[in-house]
Amino acid sequence: LAIVKKIVEDHGGRLELHDAPVDFHGGRGAMISIILPLAATVPSSGEGRTEHERETEKVGNGV
């Protein structure tokens, strides 16, 4: 979890930790949310981006 926290914070995001509701077996757990910011703007002409970045945008998979 410490490694995930470092990576998320390095990308301008944050982690949120919450108690999970009691399940039907009476167990408890934790719910972890990862919040990452969206890019502010994306150049529409593709200027300044690599071929890979332009192709990834076409596919719609930036992860």
N, C-alpha and C. Protein backbone atom coordinates (compact mmCIF):
# COMPACT_ATOMS: atom_id res chain seq x y z
N LEU A 1 0.82 -1.19 0.00
CA LEU A 1 0.00 0.00 0.00
C LEU A 1 0.87 1.26 0.00
N ALA A 2 2.00 1.20 0.66
CA ALA A 2 2.91 2.36 0.69
C ALA A 2 3.43 2.66 -0.71
N ILE A 3 3.69 1.63 -1.50
CA ILE A 3 4.18 1.83 -2.87
C ILE A 3 3.08 2.46 -3.72
N VAL A 4 1.86 1.97 -3.59
CA VAL A 4 0.73 2.54 -4.34
C VAL A 4 0.55 4.00 -3.96
N LYS A 5 0.60 4.31 -2.68
CA LYS A 5 0.45 5.69 -2.21
C LYS A 5 1.49 6.60 -2.84
N LYS A 6 2.73 6.16 -2.88
CA LYS A 6 3.82 6.95 -3.46
C LYS A 6 3.57 7.21 -4.95
N ILE A 7 3.19 6.18 -5.68
CA ILE A 7 2.93 6.32 -7.12
C ILE A 7 1.77 7.28 -7.36
N VAL A 8 0.68 7.10 -6.63
CA VAL A 8 -0.49 7.96 -6.79
C VAL A 8 -0.15 9.41 -6.47
N GLU A 9 0.54 9.65 -5.37
CA GLU A 9 0.91 11.02 -5.00
C GLU A 9 1.88 11.64 -5.99
N ASP A 10 2.77 10.84 -6.56
CA ASP A 10 3.70 11.35 -7.58
C ASP A 10 2.95 11.81 -8.83
N HIS A 11 1.74 11.30 -9.04
CA HIS A 11 0.92 11.68 -10.19
C HIS A 11 -0.15 12.70 -9.81
N GLY A 12 -0.01 13.32 -8.65
CA GLY A 12 -0.93 14.37 -8.24
C GLY A 12 -2.24 13.85 -7.67
N GLY A 13 -2.31 12.59 -7.32
CA GLY A 13 -3.54 12.01 -6.80
C GLY A 13 -3.48 11.79 -5.30
N ARG A 14 -4.48 11.07 -4.81
CA ARG A 14 -4.53 10.76 -3.38
C ARG A 14 -5.25 9.43 -3.17
N LEU A 15 -5.01 8.84 -2.01
CA LEU A 15 -5.70 7.62 -1.58
C LEU A 15 -6.70 7.99 -0.50
N GLU A 16 -7.85 7.33 -0.51
CA GLU A 16 -8.82 7.47 0.57
C GLU A 16 -9.09 6.09 1.13
N LEU A 17 -9.00 5.95 2.43
CA LEU A 17 -9.23 4.68 3.11
C LEU A 17 -10.48 4.80 3.97
N HIS A 18 -11.37 3.82 3.87
CA HIS A 18 -12.62 3.81 4.63
C HIS A 18 -12.87 2.41 5.16
N ASP A 19 -13.57 2.34 6.29
CA ASP A 19 -14.04 1.04 6.77
C ASP A 19 -15.10 0.53 5.80
N ALA A 20 -14.99 -0.72 5.42
CA ALA A 20 -16.00 -1.33 4.57
C ALA A 20 -17.17 -1.77 5.44
N PRO A 21 -18.37 -1.81 4.88
CA PRO A 21 -19.51 -2.28 5.66
C PRO A 21 -19.33 -3.74 6.07
N VAL A 22 -19.99 -4.13 7.13
CA VAL A 22 -19.95 -5.52 7.59
C VAL A 22 -20.62 -6.38 6.53
N ASP A 23 -19.95 -7.48 6.13
CA ASP A 23 -20.55 -8.36 5.13
C ASP A 23 -21.50 -9.35 5.80
N PHE A 24 -22.15 -10.19 5.00
CA PHE A 24 -23.15 -11.10 5.55
C PHE A 24 -22.56 -12.19 6.43
N HIS A 25 -21.23 -12.34 6.43
CA HIS A 25 -20.57 -13.28 7.35
C HIS A 25 -20.14 -12.59 8.63
N GLY A 26 -20.38 -11.30 8.74
CA GLY A 26 -19.98 -10.55 9.92
C GLY A 26 -18.56 -10.02 9.85
N GLY A 27 -17.90 -10.21 8.71
CA GLY A 27 -16.53 -9.73 8.55
C GLY A 27 -16.46 -8.27 8.18
N ARG A 28 -15.32 -7.70 8.41
CA ARG A 28 -15.09 -6.30 8.04
C ARG A 28 -13.86 -6.23 7.15
N GLY A 29 -13.70 -5.13 6.53
CA GLY A 29 -12.54 -4.94 5.68
C GLY A 29 -12.30 -3.46 5.49
N ALA A 30 -11.61 -3.13 4.43
CA ALA A 30 -11.33 -1.74 4.12
C ALA A 30 -11.67 -1.48 2.66
N MET A 31 -12.10 -0.25 2.40
CA MET A 31 -12.35 0.18 1.03
C MET A 31 -11.30 1.24 0.72
N ILE A 32 -10.59 1.05 -0.38
CA ILE A 32 -9.52 1.96 -0.78
C ILE A 32 -9.90 2.60 -2.10
N SER A 33 -9.94 3.94 -2.13
CA SER A 33 -10.23 4.67 -3.36
C SER A 33 -8.95 5.36 -3.81
N ILE A 34 -8.68 5.29 -5.11
CA ILE A 34 -7.55 5.98 -5.71
C ILE A 34 -8.12 7.09 -6.57
N ILE A 35 -7.75 8.33 -6.26
CA ILE A 35 -8.25 9.48 -7.00
C ILE A 35 -7.07 10.09 -7.75
N LEU A 36 -7.20 10.14 -9.09
CA LEU A 36 -6.17 10.73 -9.95
C LEU A 36 -6.78 11.87 -10.75
N PRO A 37 -6.04 12.96 -10.93
CA PRO A 37 -6.56 14.08 -11.71
C PRO A 37 -6.56 13.76 -13.20
N LEU A 38 -7.52 14.33 -13.91
CA LEU A 38 -7.54 14.24 -15.36
C LEU A 38 -6.58 15.28 -15.92
N ALA A 39 -6.13 15.05 -17.14
CA ALA A 39 -5.28 16.05 -17.80
C ALA A 39 -6.10 17.32 -17.99
N ALA A 40 -5.49 18.47 -17.77
CA ALA A 40 -6.20 19.74 -17.89
C ALA A 40 -6.68 19.97 -19.32
N THR A 41 -5.77 19.85 -20.28
CA THR A 41 -6.14 20.02 -21.69
C THR A 41 -5.30 19.08 -22.53
N VAL A 42 -5.83 18.74 -23.67
CA VAL A 42 -5.11 17.91 -24.63
C VAL A 42 -5.06 18.69 -25.94
N PRO A 43 -3.88 18.93 -26.48
CA PRO A 43 -3.79 19.65 -27.75
C PRO A 43 -4.59 18.93 -28.83
N SER A 44 -5.48 19.65 -29.51
CA SER A 44 -6.35 19.01 -30.50
C SER A 44 -5.61 18.62 -31.78
N SER A 45 -4.56 19.35 -32.13
CA SER A 45 -3.87 19.07 -33.38
C SER A 45 -2.88 17.92 -33.27
N GLY A 46 -2.59 17.48 -32.06
CA GLY A 46 -1.60 16.43 -31.89
C GLY A 46 -0.19 16.98 -31.81
N GLU A 47 -0.07 18.30 -31.89
CA GLU A 47 1.24 18.93 -31.84
C GLU A 47 1.90 18.70 -30.49
N GLY A 48 3.16 18.33 -30.49
CA GLY A 48 3.89 18.13 -29.26
C GLY A 48 3.71 16.76 -28.63
N ARG A 49 2.94 15.88 -29.29
CA ARG A 49 2.73 14.54 -28.74
C ARG A 49 3.41 13.51 -29.62
N THR A 50 3.76 12.39 -29.03
CA THR A 50 4.39 11.32 -29.78
C THR A 50 3.36 10.55 -30.59
N GLU A 51 3.83 9.77 -31.54
CA GLU A 51 2.93 8.93 -32.35
C GLU A 51 2.14 7.98 -31.45
N HIS A 52 2.81 7.41 -30.44
CA HIS A 52 2.13 6.49 -29.52
C HIS A 52 0.99 7.20 -28.78
N GLU A 53 1.22 8.43 -28.33
CA GLU A 53 0.18 9.18 -27.62
C GLU A 53 -1.01 9.46 -28.53
N ARG A 54 -0.75 9.80 -29.79
CA ARG A 54 -1.85 10.06 -30.73
C ARG A 54 -2.63 8.78 -31.01
N GLU A 55 -1.94 7.66 -31.20
CA GLU A 55 -2.62 6.39 -31.47
C GLU A 55 -3.42 5.93 -30.25
N THR A 56 -2.86 6.11 -29.06
CA THR A 56 -3.57 5.72 -27.84
C THR A 56 -4.85 6.51 -27.70
N GLU A 57 -4.81 7.80 -28.03
CA GLU A 57 -6.00 8.63 -27.94
C GLU A 57 -7.08 8.14 -28.90
N LYS A 58 -6.69 7.71 -30.10
CA LYS A 58 -7.66 7.20 -31.08
C LYS A 58 -8.37 5.97 -30.56
N VAL A 59 -7.62 5.10 -29.89
CA VAL A 59 -8.19 3.87 -29.36
C VAL A 59 -9.03 4.17 -28.13
N GLY A 60 -8.68 5.24 -27.40
CA GLY A 60 -9.40 5.60 -26.20
C GLY A 60 -8.92 4.88 -24.96
N ASN A 61 -7.72 4.34 -25.03
CA ASN A 61 -7.16 3.62 -23.89
C ASN A 61 -5.85 4.28 -23.51
N GLY A 62 -5.89 5.14 -22.50
CA GLY A 62 -4.70 5.85 -22.08
C GLY A 62 -3.98 5.20 -20.92
N VAL A 63 -4.39 4.01 -20.55
CA VAL A 63 -3.77 3.35 -19.39
C VAL A 63 -2.76 2.35 -19.86
